[in-house]
Amino acid sequence: MPLNLPAMHHLRRLRLVSRFRPSPRFPRIRRHGLALAAACLAAFSAHAAISVKDDAGATVTLAAPAQRVVSLSPHATELLFAAGAGDKVVGVVAYSDYPEAARHLPRVGDNSALDLERILALKPDLLVVWRHGNSQRQVEALRQLKLPIFYSEPKHLTDLPAAIETLGTLTGTPAKAQASAQAFRARYDALRKQYASRAPVKVFYQVWTQPLMTLNGKHMVSDVIRLCGGVNVFADEAPLVPRVSVEAVLAKQPEAMFTATPGATTAAKPLATLDAWRKWPQLPAVAHNNLFGIDGDLINRPGPRILDGARTMCEDLDIVRARRQTAAQ
């Protein structure tokens, strides 16, 4: 029996609808296409050229994030690990002993004498160099071999977060580096707020005894002293590490004296102590027994752990303030 006209129109509509109904495969194809595009974009980003400024003001450009890094300073090693690039470090210099993983990496000499053949054998795609600590003659020899060199020399506490982030950019670990940098900033701000209103304390920081040496106000250790509410009595000296006389120290009448003590790193020769100052009881620091030592690995390395050294100094200066009040009663 032939279909009536209404039935035929209905059938025709069903055929048209079925003909233009989207295939269930389309969404899947679209998702795969988007995923492929994202993967391509990620691959492109991973291999895009990277350019940063180092601490000497030079532009360092890498074709891709560094995968084999040689650190030529203990502080640079700590900064690289803080930036999340520890697994990319393939060689370090002597005294690179933090974190624990750094102790087990191949050694390529020390700050003053590098093993160039060992460095080349490691096939680095980035060298992180201590600008004023490594032998410039040897560093220049490495530069002549077209090895990418990044000079690391943070000068102030507030430079350290950016130093971590820059190394994270060079090694392709920006997220980890940013998290570490933010943690440093938070710790720094907490100390700054805690000690901002503390009574000032005159501080002498002894670097060495023969000759007698200290630090001026532009050194990072002076940043630590200021952070804790201290006043470096030789802040106005011109050299970064000035030589001073015993008479000059006596004239400054410091209320607290600090020096570095051996930490995890074993010094090649014994570090200087403050014991010799006890022969001058007219010094307020001696009279009140305010002679303090701080782990040299914490206070002298421009790396993340310097805030641990700062915390120690801040607590010691609080002891000085308490003794001052007791003596005044």
C-alpha atoms as a PDB file:
ATOM      1  CA  MET A   1       0.000   0.000   0.000  1.00  0.00           C
ATOM      2  CA  PRO A   2       1.520   3.408  -0.927  1.00  0.00           C
ATOM      3  CA  LEU A   3       2.377   5.758   1.913  1.00  0.00           C
ATOM      4  CA  ASN A   4       0.133   8.740   2.327  1.00  0.00           C
ATOM      5  CA  LEU A   5       1.577  12.234   1.853  1.00  0.00           C
ATOM      6  CA  PRO A   6       1.992  13.150   5.566  1.00  0.00           C
ATOM      7  CA  ALA A   7       3.933   9.917   6.157  1.00  0.00           C
ATOM      8  CA  MET A   8       6.180  10.610   3.158  1.00  0.00           C
ATOM      9  CA  HIS A   9       6.980  14.116   4.431  1.00  0.00           C
ATOM     10  CA  HIS A  10       7.876  12.689   7.861  1.00  0.00           C
ATOM     11  CA  LEU A  11      10.182  10.080   6.337  1.00  0.00           C
ATOM     12  CA  ARG A  12      11.872  12.740   4.221  1.00  0.00           C
ATOM     13  CA  ARG A  13      12.523  14.841   7.358  1.00  0.00           C
ATOM     14  CA  LEU A  14      14.050  11.858   9.165  1.00  0.00           C
ATOM     15  CA  ARG A  15      16.420  11.235   6.257  1.00  0.00           C
ATOM     16  CA  LEU A  16      17.516  14.872   6.189  1.00  0.00           C
ATOM     17  CA  VAL A  17      18.129  14.912   9.933  1.00  0.00           C
ATOM     18  CA  SER A  18      20.134  11.708   9.846  1.00  0.00           C
ATOM     19  CA  ARG A  19      22.165  12.982   6.897  1.00  0.00           C
ATOM     20  CA  PHE A  20      23.324  16.116   8.789  1.00  0.00           C
ATOM     21  CA  ARG A  21      23.603  14.713  12.301  1.00  0.00           C
ATOM     22  CA  PRO A  22      27.175  15.247  13.602  1.00  0.00           C
ATOM     23  CA  SER A  23      29.219  12.072  13.743  1.00  0.00           C
ATOM     24  CA  PRO A  24      30.087  10.942  17.271  1.00  0.00           C
ATOM     25  CA  ARG A  25      33.682  10.782  16.034  1.00  0.00           C
ATOM     26  CA  PHE A  26      33.891  14.567  15.494  1.00  0.00           C
ATOM     27  CA  PRO A  27      34.287  15.568  19.150  1.00  0.00           C
ATOM     28  CA  ARG A  28      36.949  12.887  19.594  1.00  0.00           C
ATOM     29  CA  ILE A  29      38.835  14.097  16.525  1.00  0.00           C
ATOM     30  CA  ARG A  30      38.595  17.666  17.783  1.00  0.00           C
ATOM     31  CA  ARG A  31      39.953  16.696  21.195  1.00  0.00           C
ATOM     32  CA  HIS A  32      42.850  14.821  19.608  1.00  0.00           C
ATOM     33  CA  GLY A  33      43.562  17.827  17.410  1.00  0.00           C
ATOM     34  CA  LEU A  34      43.663  20.198  20.373  1.00  0.00           C
ATOM     35  CA  ALA A  35      45.913  17.825  22.305  1.00  0.00           C
ATOM     36  CA  LEU A  36      48.265  17.565  19.350  1.00  0.00           C
ATOM     37  CA  ALA A  37      48.377  21.344  19.007  1.00  0.00           C
ATOM     38  CA  ALA A  38      49.125  21.729  22.727  1.00  0.00           C
ATOM     39  CA  ALA A  39      51.913  19.150  22.512  1.00  0.00           C
ATOM     40  CA  CYS A  40      53.430  20.928  19.527  1.00  0.00           C
ATOM     41  CA  LEU A  41      53.247  24.261  21.358  1.00  0.00           C
ATOM     42  CA  ALA A  42      54.894  22.750  24.435  1.00  0.00           C
ATOM     43  CA  ALA A  43      57.642  21.230  22.324  1.00  0.00           C
ATOM     44  CA  PHE A  44      58.196  24.565  20.593  1.00  0.00           C
ATOM     45  CA  SER A  45      58.340  26.407  23.936  1.00  0.00           C
ATOM     46  CA  ALA A  46      60.766  23.844  25.356  1.00  0.00           C
ATOM     47  CA  HIS A  47      63.143  24.436  22.460  1.00  0.00           C
ATOM     48  CA  ALA A  48      62.690  28.187  22.104  1.00  0.00           C
ATOM     49  CA  ALA A  49      65.786  30.311  22.647  1.00  0.00           C
ATOM     50  CA  ILE A  50      66.321  31.622  26.187  1.00  0.00           C
ATOM     51  CA  SER A  51      68.042  34.931  26.940  1.00  0.00           C
ATOM     52  CA  VAL A  52      68.853  36.351  30.383  1.00  0.00           C
ATOM     53  CA  LYS A  53      71.237  38.904  31.868  1.00  0.00           C
ATOM     54  CA  ASP A  54      73.935  37.599  34.206  1.00  0.00           C
ATOM     55  CA  ASP A  55      75.492  39.407  37.184  1.00  0.00           C
ATOM     56  CA  ALA A  56      78.230  40.861  34.983  1.00  0.00           C
ATOM     57  CA  GLY A  57      75.569  42.525  32.807  1.00  0.00           C
ATOM     58  CA  ALA A  58      76.188  40.204  29.846  1.00  0.00           C
ATOM     59  CA  THR A  59      73.372  38.565  27.881  1.00  0.00           C
ATOM     60  CA  VAL A  60      73.450  34.772  28.040  1.00  0.00           C
ATOM     61  CA  THR A  61      71.478  33.009  25.309  1.00  0.00           C
ATOM     62  CA  LEU A  62      70.743  29.285  25.107  1.00  0.00           C
ATOM     63  CA  ALA A  63      69.014  27.528  22.205  1.00  0.00           C
ATOM     64  CA  ALA A  64      67.125  25.383  24.743  1.00  0.00           C
ATOM     65  CA  PRO A  65      67.056  24.912  28.544  1.00  0.00           C
ATOM     66  CA  ALA A  66      70.387  23.647  29.854  1.00  0.00           C
ATOM     67  CA  GLN A  67      70.492  19.932  30.646  1.00  0.00           C
ATOM     68  CA  ARG A  68      74.159  19.522  31.675  1.00  0.00           C
ATOM     69  CA  VAL A  69      75.297  22.257  34.053  1.00  0.00           C
ATOM     70  CA  VAL A  70      78.695  22.597  35.704  1.00  0.00           C
ATOM     71  CA  SER A  71      78.760  24.820  38.798  1.00  0.00           C
ATOM     72  CA  LEU A  72      82.069  26.519  39.539  1.00  0.00           C
ATOM     73  CA  SER A  73      81.185  27.850  43.000  1.00  0.00           C
ATOM     74  CA  PRO A  74      79.579  26.305  46.118  1.00  0.00           C
ATOM     75  CA  HIS A  75      77.058  29.164  46.312  1.00  0.00           C
ATOM     76  CA  ALA A  76      76.079  28.615  42.659  1.00  0.00           C
ATOM     77  CA  THR A  77      75.528  24.927  43.395  1.00  0.00           C
ATOM     78  CA  GLU A  78      73.111  25.830  46.190  1.00  0.00           C
ATOM     79  CA  LEU A  79      71.284  28.308  43.964  1.00  0.00           C
ATOM     80  CA  LEU A  80      70.910  25.714  41.185  1.00  0.00           C
ATOM     81  CA  PHE A  81      69.448  23.145  43.559  1.00  0.00           C
ATOM     82  CA  ALA A  82      67.117  25.798  44.994  1.00  0.00           C
ATOM     83  CA  ALA A  83      65.982  26.538  41.431  1.00  0.00           C
ATOM     84  CA  GLY A  84      64.950  22.892  40.995  1.00  0.00           C
ATOM     85  CA  ALA A  85      67.842  22.126  38.644  1.00  0.00           C
ATOM     86  CA  GLY A  86      69.800  19.758  40.887  1.00  0.00           C
ATOM     87  CA  ASP A  87      69.260  16.817  38.537  1.00  0.00           C
ATOM     88  CA  LYS A  88      70.823  18.842  35.706  1.00  0.00           C
ATOM     89  CA  VAL A  89      74.064  19.582  37.590  1.00  0.00           C
ATOM     90  CA  VAL A  90      76.782  17.200  36.332  1.00  0.00           C
ATOM     91  CA  GLY A  91      79.879  18.728  37.940  1.00  0.00           C
ATOM     92  CA  VAL A  92      80.850  21.015  40.849  1.00  0.00           C
ATOM     93  CA  VAL A  93      83.944  22.479  42.516  1.00  0.00           C
ATOM     94  CA  ALA A  94      85.371  21.631  45.928  1.00  0.00           C
ATOM     95  CA  TYR A  95      83.300  22.560  48.999  1.00  0.00           C
ATOM     96  CA  SER A  96      80.023  22.134  47.086  1.00  0.00           C
ATOM     97  CA  ASP A  97      78.538  20.143  49.950  1.00  0.00           C
ATOM     98  CA  TYR A  98      74.930  21.300  50.146  1.00  0.00           C
ATOM     99  CA  PRO A  99      72.437  19.822  49.651  1.00  0.00           C
ATOM    100  CA  GLU A 100      73.520  16.238  50.334  1.00  0.00           C
ATOM    101  CA  ALA A 101      73.140  15.261  46.665  1.00  0.00           C
ATOM    102  CA  ALA A 102      75.836  17.800  45.729  1.00  0.00           C
ATOM    103  CA  ARG A 103      78.435  15.846  47.727  1.00  0.00           C
ATOM    104  CA  HIS A 104      78.240  12.958  45.285  1.00  0.00           C
ATOM    105  CA  LEU A 105      78.767  14.929  42.067  1.00  0.00           C
ATOM    106  CA  PRO A 106      82.059  14.863  40.103  1.00  0.00           C
ATOM    107  CA  ARG A 107      84.618  17.480  41.196  1.00  0.00           C
ATOM    108  CA  VAL A 108      86.229  19.751  38.595  1.00  0.00           C
ATOM    109  CA  GLY A 109      88.798  21.519  40.777  1.00  0.00           C
ATOM    110  CA  ASP A 110      88.251  24.378  43.184  1.00  0.00           C
ATOM    111  CA  ASN A 111      87.513  28.105  42.990  1.00  0.00           C
ATOM    112  CA  SER A 112      91.061  29.076  42.106  1.00  0.00           C
ATOM    113  CA  ALA A 113      92.223  26.080  40.030  1.00  0.00           C
ATOM    114  CA  LEU A 114      89.801  24.441  37.607  1.00  0.00           C
ATOM    115  CA  ASP A 115      90.332  21.111  35.857  1.00  0.00           C
ATOM    116  CA  LEU A 116      89.526  22.201  32.308  1.00  0.00           C
ATOM    117  CA  GLU A 117      89.853  18.715  30.818  1.00  0.00           C
ATOM    118  CA  ARG A 118      87.419  17.309  33.386  1.00  0.00           C
ATOM    119  CA  ILE A 119      84.960  20.091  32.656  1.00  0.00           C
ATOM    120  CA  LEU A 120      85.093  19.425  28.896  1.00  0.00           C
ATOM    121  CA  ALA A 121      84.679  15.685  29.454  1.00  0.00           C
ATOM    122  CA  LEU A 122      81.350  16.374  31.207  1.00  0.00           C
ATOM    123  CA  LYS A 123      80.043  18.010  27.988  1.00  0.00           C
ATOM    124  CA  PRO A 124      78.308  20.931  29.732  1.00  0.00           C
ATOM    125  CA  ASP A 125      75.797  23.112  27.954  1.00  0.00           C
ATOM    126  CA  LEU A 126      76.075  25.767  30.695  1.00  0.00           C
ATOM    127  CA  LEU A 127      78.763  26.876  33.151  1.00  0.00           C
ATOM    128  CA  VAL A 128      77.733  28.881  36.212  1.00  0.00           C
ATOM    129  CA  VAL A 129      80.799  30.872  37.249  1.00  0.00           C
ATOM    130  CA  TRP A 130      81.680  32.943  40.311  1.00  0.00           C
ATOM    131  CA  ARG A 131      82.717  36.226  38.763  1.00  0.00           C
ATOM    132  CA  HIS A 132      85.372  37.268  41.289  1.00  0.00           C
ATOM    133  CA  GLY A 133      86.128  33.851  42.746  1.00  0.00           C
ATOM    134  CA  ASN A 134      87.172  31.759  39.745  1.00  0.00           C
ATOM    135  CA  SER A 135      90.418  32.159  37.837  1.00  0.00           C
ATOM    136  CA  GLN A 136      89.633  34.642  35.079  1.00  0.00           C
ATOM    137  CA  ARG A 137      92.355  33.189  32.870  1.00  0.00           C
ATOM    138  CA  GLN A 138      90.796  29.726  33.035  1.00  0.00           C
ATOM    139  CA  VAL A 139      87.270  31.058  32.600  1.00  0.00           C
ATOM    140  CA  GLU A 140      88.409  32.916  29.495  1.00  0.00           C
ATOM    141  CA  ALA A 141      89.892  29.677  28.150  1.00  0.00           C
ATOM    142  CA  LEU A 142      86.497  28.031  28.597  1.00  0.00           C
ATOM    143  CA  ARG A 143      84.819  30.951  26.843  1.00  0.00           C
ATOM    144  CA  GLN A 144      87.148  30.513  23.868  1.00  0.00           C
ATOM    145  CA  LEU A 145      85.770  26.988  23.554  1.00  0.00           C
ATOM    146  CA  LYS A 146      82.308  28.523  22.983  1.00  0.00           C
ATOM    147  CA  LEU A 147      80.853  27.161  26.218  1.00  0.00           C
ATOM    148  CA  PRO A 148      77.902  29.236  27.515  1.00  0.00           C
ATOM    149  CA  ILE A 149      78.933  31.030  30.708  1.00  0.00           C
ATOM    150  CA  PHE A 150      76.643  32.631  33.278  1.00  0.00           C
ATOM    151  CA  TYR A 151      78.345  34.827  35.887  1.00  0.00           C
ATOM    152  CA  SER A 152      76.732  34.522  39.321  1.00  0.00           C
ATOM    153  CA  GLU A 153      77.527  37.094  41.976  1.00  0.00           C
ATOM    154  CA  PRO A 154      74.492  38.294  43.949  1.00  0.00           C
ATOM    155  CA  LYS A 155      75.533  41.299  45.987  1.00  0.00           C
ATOM    156  CA  HIS A 156      72.560  41.816  48.304  1.00  0.00           C
ATOM    157  CA  LEU A 157      70.027  39.683  50.139  1.00  0.00           C
ATOM    158  CA  THR A 158      67.273  41.044  47.927  1.00  0.00           C
ATOM    159  CA  ASP A 159      69.163  39.841  44.806  1.00  0.00           C
ATOM    160  CA  LEU A 160      68.911  36.182  45.772  1.00  0.00           C
ATOM    161  CA  PRO A 161      65.282  35.457  44.784  1.00  0.00           C
ATOM    162  CA  ALA A 162      65.878  36.843  41.281  1.00  0.00           C
ATOM    163  CA  ALA A 163      69.115  34.812  41.059  1.00  0.00           C
ATOM    164  CA  ILE A 164      67.148  31.632  41.760  1.00  0.00           C
ATOM    165  CA  GLU A 165      64.483  32.546  39.206  1.00  0.00           C
ATOM    166  CA  THR A 166      67.061  33.347  36.507  1.00  0.00           C
ATOM    167  CA  LEU A 167      68.761  29.973  36.945  1.00  0.00           C
ATOM    168  CA  GLY A 168      65.334  28.353  36.780  1.00  0.00           C
ATOM    169  CA  THR A 169      64.756  30.075  33.440  1.00  0.00           C
ATOM    170  CA  LEU A 170      68.097  28.845  32.090  1.00  0.00           C
ATOM    171  CA  THR A 171      67.476  25.257  33.158  1.00  0.00           C
ATOM    172  CA  GLY A 172      63.798  24.987  32.271  1.00  0.00           C
ATOM    173  CA  THR A 173      62.521  24.795  35.857  1.00  0.00           C
ATOM    174  CA  PRO A 174      60.753  28.168  36.250  1.00  0.00           C
ATOM    175  CA  ALA A 175      57.878  26.924  38.411  1.00  0.00           C
ATOM    176  CA  LYS A 176      60.144  25.300  41.002  1.00  0.00           C
ATOM    177  CA  ALA A 177      62.462  28.298  40.963  1.00  0.00           C
ATOM    178  CA  GLN A 178      59.618  30.754  41.483  1.00  0.00           C
ATOM    179  CA  ALA A 179      58.280  28.752  44.431  1.00  0.00           C
ATOM    180  CA  SER A 180      61.740  28.715  46.031  1.00  0.00           C
ATOM    181  CA  ALA A 181      62.214  32.432  45.393  1.00  0.00           C
ATOM    182  CA  GLN A 182      58.842  33.262  46.927  1.00  0.00           C
ATOM    183  CA  ALA A 183      59.677  31.185  50.002  1.00  0.00           C
ATOM    184  CA  PHE A 184      62.922  33.170  50.391  1.00  0.00           C
ATOM    185  CA  ARG A 185      61.087  36.489  50.054  1.00  0.00           C
ATOM    186  CA  ALA A 186      58.553  35.421  52.673  1.00  0.00           C
ATOM    187  CA  ARG A 187      61.287  34.441  55.164  1.00  0.00           C
ATOM    188  CA  TYR A 188      63.183  37.666  54.514  1.00  0.00           C
ATOM    189  CA  ASP A 189      60.068  39.804  55.029  1.00  0.00           C
ATOM    190  CA  ALA A 190      59.232  37.970  58.263  1.00  0.00           C
ATOM    191  CA  LEU A 191      62.701  38.683  59.690  1.00  0.00           C
ATOM    192  CA  ARG A 192      62.599  42.293  58.506  1.00  0.00           C
ATOM    193  CA  LYS A 193      59.252  42.920  60.187  1.00  0.00           C
ATOM    194  CA  GLN A 194      60.290  41.139  63.379  1.00  0.00           C
ATOM    195  CA  TYR A 195      63.480  43.162  63.875  1.00  0.00           C
ATOM    196  CA  ALA A 196      62.601  46.493  62.256  1.00  0.00           C
ATOM    197  CA  SER A 197      61.932  48.215  65.572  1.00  0.00           C
ATOM    198  CA  ARG A 198      64.724  46.638  67.629  1.00  0.00           C
ATOM    199  CA  ALA A 199      67.228  48.942  69.343  1.00  0.00           C
ATOM    200  CA  PRO A 200      70.399  49.350  67.228  1.00  0.00           C
ATOM    201  CA  VAL A 201      73.579  47.481  68.207  1.00  0.00           C
ATOM    202  CA  LYS A 202      77.095  48.440  67.056  1.00  0.00           C
ATOM    203  CA  VAL A 203      78.660  45.399  65.358  1.00  0.00           C
ATOM    204  CA  PHE A 204      82.185  44.469  64.289  1.00  0.00           C
ATOM    205  CA  TYR A 205      82.419  41.547  61.839  1.00  0.00           C
ATOM    206  CA  GLN A 206      85.879  39.977  61.704  1.00  0.00           C
ATOM    207  CA  VAL A 207      86.911  38.238  58.483  1.00  0.00           C
ATOM    208  CA  TRP A 208      90.509  37.485  59.417  1.00  0.00           C
ATOM    209  CA  THR A 209      93.132  38.390  62.000  1.00  0.00           C
ATOM    210  CA  GLN A 210      96.503  38.524  60.207  1.00  0.00           C
ATOM    211  CA  PRO A 211      95.969  41.012  58.690  1.00  0.00           C
ATOM    212  CA  LEU A 212      92.900  42.169  60.555  1.00  0.00           C
ATOM    213  CA  MET A 213      90.073  42.396  58.013  1.00  0.00           C
ATOM    214  CA  THR A 214      86.381  43.241  58.086  1.00  0.00           C
ATOM    215  CA  LEU A 215      83.545  44.032  55.632  1.00  0.00           C
ATOM    216  CA  ASN A 216      82.095  47.361  54.547  1.00  0.00           C
ATOM    217  CA  GLY A 217      78.447  48.340  54.254  1.00  0.00           C
ATOM    218  CA  LYS A 218      78.073  47.116  50.662  1.00  0.00           C
ATOM    219  CA  HIS A 219      78.757  43.475  51.496  1.00  0.00           C
ATOM    220  CA  MET A 220      75.857  41.031  51.825  1.00  0.00           C
ATOM    221  CA  VAL A 221      76.849  40.288  55.429  1.00  0.00           C
ATOM    222  CA  SER A 222      76.171  43.959  56.183  1.00  0.00           C
ATOM    223  CA  ASP A 223      72.670  43.419  54.778  1.00  0.00           C
ATOM    224  CA  VAL A 224      72.280  40.685  57.399  1.00  0.00           C
ATOM    225  CA  ILE A 225      73.558  42.990  60.150  1.00  0.00           C
ATOM    226  CA  ARG A 226      71.056  45.698  59.123  1.00  0.00           C
ATOM    227  CA  LEU A 227      68.235  43.170  58.834  1.00  0.00           C
ATOM    228  CA  CYS A 228      68.769  42.257  62.481  1.00  0.00           C
ATOM    229  CA  GLY A 229      68.910  45.852  63.690  1.00  0.00           C
ATOM    230  CA  GLY A 230      72.704  45.999  63.883  1.00  0.00           C
ATOM    231  CA  VAL A 231      75.057  48.755  62.696  1.00  0.00           C
ATOM    232  CA  ASN A 232      78.307  47.780  60.982  1.00  0.00           C
ATOM    233  CA  VAL A 233      80.927  50.034  62.605  1.00  0.00           C
ATOM    234  CA  PHE A 234      83.077  49.942  59.431  1.00  0.00           C
ATOM    235  CA  ALA A 235      80.230  50.365  56.927  1.00  0.00           C
ATOM    236  CA  ASP A 236      81.743  53.560  55.481  1.00  0.00           C
ATOM    237  CA  GLU A 237      85.108  52.056  54.529  1.00  0.00           C
ATOM    238  CA  ALA A 238      85.838  52.181  50.781  1.00  0.00           C
ATOM    239  CA  PRO A 239      87.072  48.623  50.042  1.00  0.00           C
ATOM    240  CA  LEU A 240      84.523  45.819  50.185  1.00  0.00           C
ATOM    241  CA  VAL A 241      86.886  43.898  52.487  1.00  0.00           C
ATOM    242  CA  PRO A 242      88.968  46.591  54.245  1.00  0.00           C
ATOM    243  CA  ARG A 243      91.997  46.087  56.438  1.00  0.00           C
ATOM    244  CA  VAL A 244      91.678  47.802  59.809  1.00  0.00           C
ATOM    245  CA  SER A 245      93.844  48.229  62.880  1.00  0.00           C
ATOM    246  CA  VAL A 246      93.225  47.058  66.421  1.00  0.00           C
ATOM    247  CA  GLU A 247      93.251  50.724  67.447  1.00  0.00           C
ATOM    248  CA  ALA A 248      90.478  51.479  64.943  1.00  0.00           C
ATOM    249  CA  VAL A 249      88.325  48.692  66.390  1.00  0.00           C
ATOM    250  CA  LEU A 250      88.945  49.931  69.926  1.00  0.00           C
ATOM    251  CA  ALA A 251      87.926  53.436  68.859  1.00  0.00           C
ATOM    252  CA  LYS A 252      84.639  52.157  67.367  1.00  0.00           C
ATOM    253  CA  GLN A 253      83.645  50.490  70.677  1.00  0.00           C
ATOM    254  CA  PRO A 254      81.498  47.711  69.152  1.00  0.00           C
ATOM    255  CA  GLU A 255      78.925  46.177  71.448  1.00  0.00           C
ATOM    256  CA  ALA A 256      78.962  42.843  69.586  1.00  0.00           C
ATOM    257  CA  MET A 257      81.634  41.015  67.580  1.00  0.00           C
ATOM    258  CA  PHE A 258      81.020  38.243  65.034  1.00  0.00           C
ATOM    259  CA  THR A 259      83.161  35.932  62.963  1.00  0.00           C
ATOM    260  CA  ALA A 260      82.652  32.814  60.846  1.00  0.00           C
ATOM    261  CA  THR A 261      83.181  29.376  62.368  1.00  0.00           C
ATOM    262  CA  PRO A 262      83.705  26.025  60.598  1.00  0.00           C
ATOM    263  CA  GLY A 263      80.443  24.528  59.402  1.00  0.00           C
ATOM    264  CA  ALA A 264      79.976  21.342  57.426  1.00  0.00           C
ATOM    265  CA  THR A 265      82.771  22.526  55.149  1.00  0.00           C
ATOM    266  CA  THR A 266      86.204  21.736  56.553  1.00  0.00           C
ATOM    267  CA  ALA A 267      88.487  24.728  56.091  1.00  0.00           C
ATOM    268  CA  ALA A 268      91.933  24.207  54.562  1.00  0.00           C
ATOM    269  CA  LYS A 269      93.349  26.017  57.595  1.00  0.00           C
ATOM    270  CA  PRO A 270      91.820  26.905  60.965  1.00  0.00           C
ATOM    271  CA  LEU A 271      89.477  29.850  60.893  1.00  0.00           C
ATOM    272  CA  ALA A 272      90.233  32.931  62.962  1.00  0.00           C
ATOM    273  CA  THR A 273      88.523  33.273  66.313  1.00  0.00           C
ATOM    274  CA  LEU A 274      87.610  36.227  68.523  1.00  0.00           C
ATOM    275  CA  ASP A 275      89.522  34.996  71.562  1.00  0.00           C
ATOM    276  CA  ALA A 276      92.377  37.471  71.094  1.00  0.00           C
ATOM    277  CA  TRP A 277      90.000  40.368  71.805  1.00  0.00           C
ATOM    278  CA  ARG A 278      89.572  39.294  75.425  1.00  0.00           C
ATOM    279  CA  LYS A 279      92.776  41.121  76.274  1.00  0.00           C
ATOM    280  CA  TRP A 280      90.865  44.398  75.782  1.00  0.00           C
ATOM    281  CA  PRO A 281      88.126  44.356  78.440  1.00  0.00           C
ATOM    282  CA  GLN A 282      87.407  48.021  77.730  1.00  0.00           C
ATOM    283  CA  LEU A 283      85.535  46.886  74.618  1.00  0.00           C
ATOM    284  CA  PRO A 284      81.793  46.637  75.398  1.00  0.00           C
ATOM    285  CA  ALA A 285      81.625  43.411  73.361  1.00  0.00           C
ATOM    286  CA  VAL A 286      84.297  41.852  75.562  1.00  0.00           C
ATOM    287  CA  ALA A 287      83.004  43.294  78.828  1.00  0.00           C
ATOM    288  CA  HIS A 288      79.577  41.709  78.256  1.00  0.00           C
ATOM    289  CA  ASN A 289      80.868  38.538  76.590  1.00  0.00           C
ATOM    290  CA  ASN A 290      79.180  39.391  73.284  1.00  0.00           C
ATOM    291  CA  LEU A 291      81.616  37.446  71.087  1.00  0.00           C
ATOM    292  CA  PHE A 292      79.709  35.265  68.617  1.00  0.00           C
ATOM    293  CA  GLY A 293      80.589  32.757  65.927  1.00  0.00           C
ATOM    294  CA  ILE A 294      78.267  31.848  63.037  1.00  0.00           C
ATOM    295  CA  ASP A 295      78.578  28.823  60.750  1.00  0.00           C
ATOM    296  CA  GLY A 296      80.612  30.152  57.825  1.00  0.00           C
ATOM    297  CA  ASP A 297      78.661  28.063  55.303  1.00  0.00           C
ATOM    298  CA  LEU A 298      75.531  29.943  56.318  1.00  0.00           C
ATOM    299  CA  ILE A 299      76.764  33.501  56.676  1.00  0.00           C
ATOM    300  CA  ASN A 300      79.405  33.753  53.927  1.00  0.00           C
ATOM    301  CA  ARG A 301      77.765  32.015  50.965  1.00  0.00           C
ATOM    302  CA  PRO A 302      75.390  34.183  48.920  1.00  0.00           C
ATOM    303  CA  GLY A 303      72.750  31.488  48.723  1.00  0.00           C
ATOM    304  CA  PRO A 304      69.360  30.602  50.209  1.00  0.00           C
ATOM    305  CA  ARG A 305      70.790  29.404  53.538  1.00  0.00           C
ATOM    306  CA  ILE A 306      72.110  32.851  54.399  1.00  0.00           C
ATOM    307  CA  LEU A 307      68.741  33.506  56.028  1.00  0.00           C
ATOM    308  CA  ASP A 308      69.580  30.685  58.460  1.00  0.00           C
ATOM    309  CA  GLY A 309      72.744  32.610  59.310  1.00  0.00           C
ATOM    310  CA  ALA A 310      70.686  35.793  59.583  1.00  0.00           C
ATOM    311  CA  ARG A 311      68.296  34.147  62.034  1.00  0.00           C
ATOM    312  CA  THR A 312      71.277  33.160  64.202  1.00  0.00           C
ATOM    313  CA  MET A 313      72.716  36.690  64.136  1.00  0.00           C
ATOM    314  CA  CYS A 314      69.334  38.245  64.947  1.00  0.00           C
ATOM    315  CA  GLU A 315      68.937  35.985  67.965  1.00  0.00           C
ATOM    316  CA  ASP A 316      72.478  36.787  69.117  1.00  0.00           C
ATOM    317  CA  LEU A 317      71.786  40.522  68.879  1.00  0.00           C
ATOM    318  CA  ASP A 318      68.700  40.004  71.026  1.00  0.00           C
ATOM    319  CA  ILE A 319      71.039  38.469  73.633  1.00  0.00           C
ATOM    320  CA  VAL A 320      73.170  41.623  73.418  1.00  0.00           C
ATOM    321  CA  ARG A 321      70.117  43.817  74.002  1.00  0.00           C
ATOM    322  CA  ALA A 322      69.058  41.725  77.007  1.00  0.00           C
ATOM    323  CA  ARG A 323      72.545  41.961  78.535  1.00  0.00           C
ATOM    324  CA  ARG A 324      72.505  45.695  77.931  1.00  0.00           C
ATOM    325  CA  GLN A 325      69.317  46.052  79.939  1.00  0.00           C
ATOM    326  CA  THR A 326      70.657  43.860  82.723  1.00  0.00           C
ATOM    327  CA  ALA A 327      73.854  45.930  82.962  1.00  0.00           C
ATOM    328  CA  ALA A 328      71.825  49.151  83.113  1.00  0.00           C
ATOM    329  CA  GLN A 329      69.773  47.997  86.104  1.00  0.00           C
END
